[in-house]
Amino acid sequence: KRAEIILAGALVLHEAMSLLEMESLTVCESSLREGIIVDWMLNHGLIEDRLRFQSSIRQRNTLKIAQKYQVNLDYSERV
């Protein structure tokens, strides 16, 4: 369960950052698998713009989650 190990993971991350003298960490919103697929599509001419394509993936996934939980999309877009 994530709740049981999140503190331990945070401590390991904090110690690793201390040992490496890192002050900040950049979090990637995309997964490795997604990046590999997008690179392949770019190399084969299936898409032209990586950022626009990945943005549309994020938007589609957000809409899927909203539909799954029956979010009132009209109201949420106004807010």
N, C-alpha and C. Protein backbone atom coordinates (compact mmCIF):
# COMPACT_ATOMS: atom_id res chain seq x y z
N LYS A 1 0.83 -1.18 0.00
CA LYS A 1 0.00 0.00 0.00
C LYS A 1 0.88 1.24 0.00
N ARG A 2 0.52 2.18 -0.85
CA ARG A 2 1.32 3.40 -0.99
C ARG A 2 1.39 4.20 0.30
N ALA A 3 0.29 4.29 1.00
CA ALA A 3 0.26 5.11 2.21
C ALA A 3 1.28 4.62 3.23
N GLU A 4 1.54 3.33 3.25
CA GLU A 4 2.47 2.76 4.23
C GLU A 4 3.93 3.01 3.87
N ILE A 5 4.24 3.23 2.60
CA ILE A 5 5.64 3.36 2.20
C ILE A 5 6.03 4.76 1.73
N ILE A 6 5.07 5.67 1.66
CA ILE A 6 5.38 6.99 1.11
C ILE A 6 6.40 7.74 1.95
N LEU A 7 6.30 7.64 3.28
CA LEU A 7 7.25 8.33 4.15
C LEU A 7 8.65 7.76 3.96
N ALA A 8 8.77 6.44 3.92
CA ALA A 8 10.08 5.81 3.71
C ALA A 8 10.67 6.23 2.36
N GLY A 9 9.85 6.26 1.33
CA GLY A 9 10.33 6.68 0.02
C GLY A 9 10.79 8.12 0.02
N ALA A 10 10.05 8.98 0.72
CA ALA A 10 10.43 10.39 0.80
C ALA A 10 11.76 10.55 1.53
N LEU A 11 11.97 9.76 2.58
CA LEU A 11 13.23 9.82 3.32
C LEU A 11 14.41 9.36 2.46
N VAL A 12 14.21 8.29 1.69
CA VAL A 12 15.26 7.81 0.79
C VAL A 12 15.58 8.87 -0.25
N LEU A 13 14.55 9.48 -0.83
CA LEU A 13 14.76 10.54 -1.81
C LEU A 13 15.50 11.73 -1.20
N HIS A 14 15.10 12.13 -0.01
CA HIS A 14 15.75 13.26 0.67
C HIS A 14 17.22 12.96 0.92
N GLU A 15 17.53 11.76 1.39
CA GLU A 15 18.93 11.39 1.67
C GLU A 15 19.74 11.33 0.38
N ALA A 16 19.16 10.77 -0.68
CA ALA A 16 19.87 10.71 -1.97
C ALA A 16 20.16 12.11 -2.49
N MET A 17 19.19 13.00 -2.36
CA MET A 17 19.40 14.37 -2.81
C MET A 17 20.47 15.06 -1.97
N SER A 18 20.51 14.76 -0.67
CA SER A 18 21.55 15.34 0.19
C SER A 18 22.93 14.84 -0.22
N LEU A 19 23.05 13.54 -0.44
CA LEU A 19 24.34 12.95 -0.83
C LEU A 19 24.82 13.48 -2.17
N LEU A 20 23.90 13.73 -3.08
CA LEU A 20 24.25 14.24 -4.41
C LEU A 20 24.29 15.76 -4.47
N GLU A 21 24.06 16.39 -3.31
CA GLU A 21 24.07 17.85 -3.20
C GLU A 21 23.09 18.50 -4.18
N MET A 22 21.91 17.91 -4.25
CA MET A 22 20.85 18.44 -5.11
C MET A 22 19.91 19.29 -4.27
N GLU A 23 19.55 20.45 -4.80
CA GLU A 23 18.62 21.32 -4.08
C GLU A 23 17.19 21.20 -4.61
N SER A 24 17.06 20.72 -5.83
CA SER A 24 15.71 20.60 -6.40
C SER A 24 15.63 19.36 -7.28
N LEU A 25 14.42 19.02 -7.63
CA LEU A 25 14.14 17.85 -8.44
C LEU A 25 13.06 18.22 -9.44
N THR A 26 13.24 17.83 -10.69
CA THR A 26 12.24 18.10 -11.72
C THR A 26 11.44 16.82 -11.97
N VAL A 27 10.13 16.93 -11.90
CA VAL A 27 9.26 15.78 -12.09
C VAL A 27 8.70 15.81 -13.51
N CYS A 28 8.82 14.70 -14.20
CA CYS A 28 8.32 14.59 -15.57
C CYS A 28 6.86 14.13 -15.53
N GLU A 29 6.02 14.77 -16.31
CA GLU A 29 4.61 14.40 -16.33
C GLU A 29 4.33 13.19 -17.22
N SER A 30 5.29 12.81 -18.04
CA SER A 30 5.08 11.70 -18.96
C SER A 30 5.82 10.47 -18.48
N SER A 31 5.35 9.33 -18.92
CA SER A 31 6.01 8.08 -18.56
C SER A 31 7.05 7.72 -19.62
N LEU A 32 7.95 6.83 -19.26
CA LEU A 32 8.99 6.38 -20.19
C LEU A 32 8.35 5.72 -21.41
N ARG A 33 7.36 4.88 -21.18
CA ARG A 33 6.69 4.19 -22.30
C ARG A 33 6.08 5.20 -23.26
N GLU A 34 5.41 6.21 -22.71
CA GLU A 34 4.80 7.23 -23.55
C GLU A 34 5.86 7.96 -24.37
N GLY A 35 6.99 8.28 -23.75
CA GLY A 35 8.07 8.97 -24.45
C GLY A 35 8.64 8.14 -25.58
N ILE A 36 8.79 6.85 -25.37
CA ILE A 36 9.32 5.96 -26.41
C ILE A 36 8.35 5.91 -27.59
N ILE A 37 7.07 5.81 -27.29
CA ILE A 37 6.06 5.76 -28.36
C ILE A 37 6.04 7.07 -29.14
N VAL A 38 6.09 8.20 -28.43
CA VAL A 38 6.08 9.51 -29.10
C VAL A 38 7.33 9.67 -29.96
N ASP A 39 8.50 9.26 -29.46
CA ASP A 39 9.73 9.32 -30.27
C ASP A 39 9.59 8.49 -31.54
N TRP A 40 9.04 7.29 -31.43
CA TRP A 40 8.86 6.42 -32.59
C TRP A 40 7.93 7.08 -33.60
N MET A 41 6.84 7.66 -33.10
CA MET A 41 5.89 8.32 -34.00
C MET A 41 6.53 9.52 -34.69
N LEU A 42 7.35 10.28 -33.97
CA LEU A 42 8.06 11.41 -34.59
C LEU A 42 9.01 10.92 -35.69
N ASN A 43 9.77 9.88 -35.39
CA ASN A 43 10.75 9.35 -36.35
C ASN A 43 10.10 8.76 -37.59
N HIS A 44 8.86 8.30 -37.47
CA HIS A 44 8.17 7.70 -38.61
C HIS A 44 7.17 8.66 -39.27
N GLY A 45 7.23 9.93 -38.89
CA GLY A 45 6.40 10.94 -39.53
C GLY A 45 4.92 10.86 -39.21
N LEU A 46 4.56 10.20 -38.13
CA LEU A 46 3.15 10.07 -37.78
C LEU A 46 2.63 11.29 -37.02
N ILE A 47 3.53 12.02 -36.38
CA ILE A 47 3.17 13.28 -35.72
C ILE A 47 4.27 14.29 -36.01
N GLU A 48 3.93 15.56 -35.91
CA GLU A 48 4.91 16.60 -36.21
C GLU A 48 5.37 17.36 -34.97
N ASP A 49 4.50 17.48 -33.99
CA ASP A 49 4.79 18.32 -32.83
C ASP A 49 4.62 17.51 -31.55
N ARG A 50 5.73 17.20 -30.91
CA ARG A 50 5.71 16.38 -29.69
C ARG A 50 4.87 17.05 -28.59
N LEU A 51 5.08 18.33 -28.34
CA LEU A 51 4.39 19.00 -27.24
C LEU A 51 2.89 19.06 -27.45
N ARG A 52 2.47 19.36 -28.68
CA ARG A 52 1.04 19.42 -28.97
C ARG A 52 0.41 18.04 -28.81
N PHE A 53 1.10 17.00 -29.28
CA PHE A 53 0.58 15.64 -29.18
C PHE A 53 0.45 15.22 -27.72
N GLN A 54 1.49 15.46 -26.91
CA GLN A 54 1.44 15.07 -25.51
C GLN A 54 0.40 15.86 -24.74
N SER A 55 0.20 17.10 -25.12
CA SER A 55 -0.83 17.92 -24.48
C SER A 55 -2.21 17.33 -24.75
N SER A 56 -2.43 16.84 -25.98
CA SER A 56 -3.74 16.27 -26.30
C SER A 56 -3.95 14.96 -25.55
N ILE A 57 -2.89 14.19 -25.30
CA ILE A 57 -3.00 12.96 -24.50
C ILE A 57 -3.45 13.32 -23.09
N ARG A 58 -2.82 14.32 -22.52
CA ARG A 58 -3.15 14.75 -21.16
C ARG A 58 -4.61 15.20 -21.08
N GLN A 59 -5.04 15.95 -22.08
CA GLN A 59 -6.42 16.44 -22.10
C GLN A 59 -7.41 15.29 -22.22
N ARG A 60 -7.13 14.33 -23.11
CA ARG A 60 -8.02 13.17 -23.27
C ARG A 60 -8.11 12.37 -21.97
N ASN A 61 -6.98 12.15 -21.32
CA ASN A 61 -6.98 11.38 -20.08
C ASN A 61 -7.74 12.10 -18.98
N THR A 62 -7.60 13.41 -18.92
CA THR A 62 -8.34 14.20 -17.93
C THR A 62 -9.84 14.08 -18.18
N LEU A 63 -10.25 14.16 -19.44
CA LEU A 63 -11.67 14.02 -19.76
C LEU A 63 -12.20 12.63 -19.44
N LYS A 64 -11.39 11.59 -19.69
CA LYS A 64 -11.81 10.22 -19.37
C LYS A 64 -12.05 10.06 -17.87
N ILE A 65 -11.14 10.61 -17.08
CA ILE A 65 -11.29 10.52 -15.62
C ILE A 65 -12.53 11.30 -15.17
N ALA A 66 -12.73 12.47 -15.75
CA ALA A 66 -13.91 13.28 -15.41
C ALA A 66 -15.19 12.53 -15.74
N GLN A 67 -15.23 11.87 -16.88
CA GLN A 67 -16.42 11.11 -17.27
C GLN A 67 -16.62 9.92 -16.34
N LYS A 68 -15.54 9.26 -15.97
CA LYS A 68 -15.61 8.10 -15.08
C LYS A 68 -16.26 8.47 -13.75
N TYR A 69 -15.92 9.65 -13.24
CA TYR A 69 -16.45 10.08 -11.95
C TYR A 69 -17.64 11.04 -12.10
N GLN A 70 -18.22 11.07 -13.28
CA GLN A 70 -19.44 11.83 -13.58
C GLN A 70 -19.33 13.30 -13.17
N VAL A 71 -18.23 13.92 -13.56
CA VAL A 71 -18.01 15.34 -13.28
C VAL A 71 -18.88 16.16 -14.22
N ASN A 72 -19.48 17.21 -13.71
CA ASN A 72 -20.27 18.12 -14.52
C ASN A 72 -19.28 19.00 -15.30
N LEU A 73 -19.02 18.66 -16.55
CA LEU A 73 -18.00 19.35 -17.35
C LEU A 73 -18.37 20.79 -17.64
N ASP A 74 -19.65 21.08 -17.89
CA ASP A 74 -20.06 22.47 -18.14
C ASP A 74 -19.72 23.35 -16.94
N TYR A 75 -20.06 22.86 -15.76
CA TYR A 75 -19.79 23.64 -14.55
C TYR A 75 -18.29 23.77 -14.30
N SER A 76 -17.56 22.68 -14.47
CA SER A 76 -16.12 22.71 -14.18
C SER A 76 -15.36 23.61 -15.15
N GLU A 77 -15.82 23.74 -16.38
CA GLU A 77 -15.16 24.63 -17.33
C GLU A 77 -15.40 26.10 -16.99
N ARG A 78 -16.57 26.40 -16.42
CA ARG A 78 -16.86 27.77 -16.00
C ARG A 78 -16.06 28.15 -14.77
N VAL A 79 -15.83 27.19 -13.89
CA VAL A 79 -15.10 27.46 -12.65
C VAL A 79 -13.64 27.49 -12.97
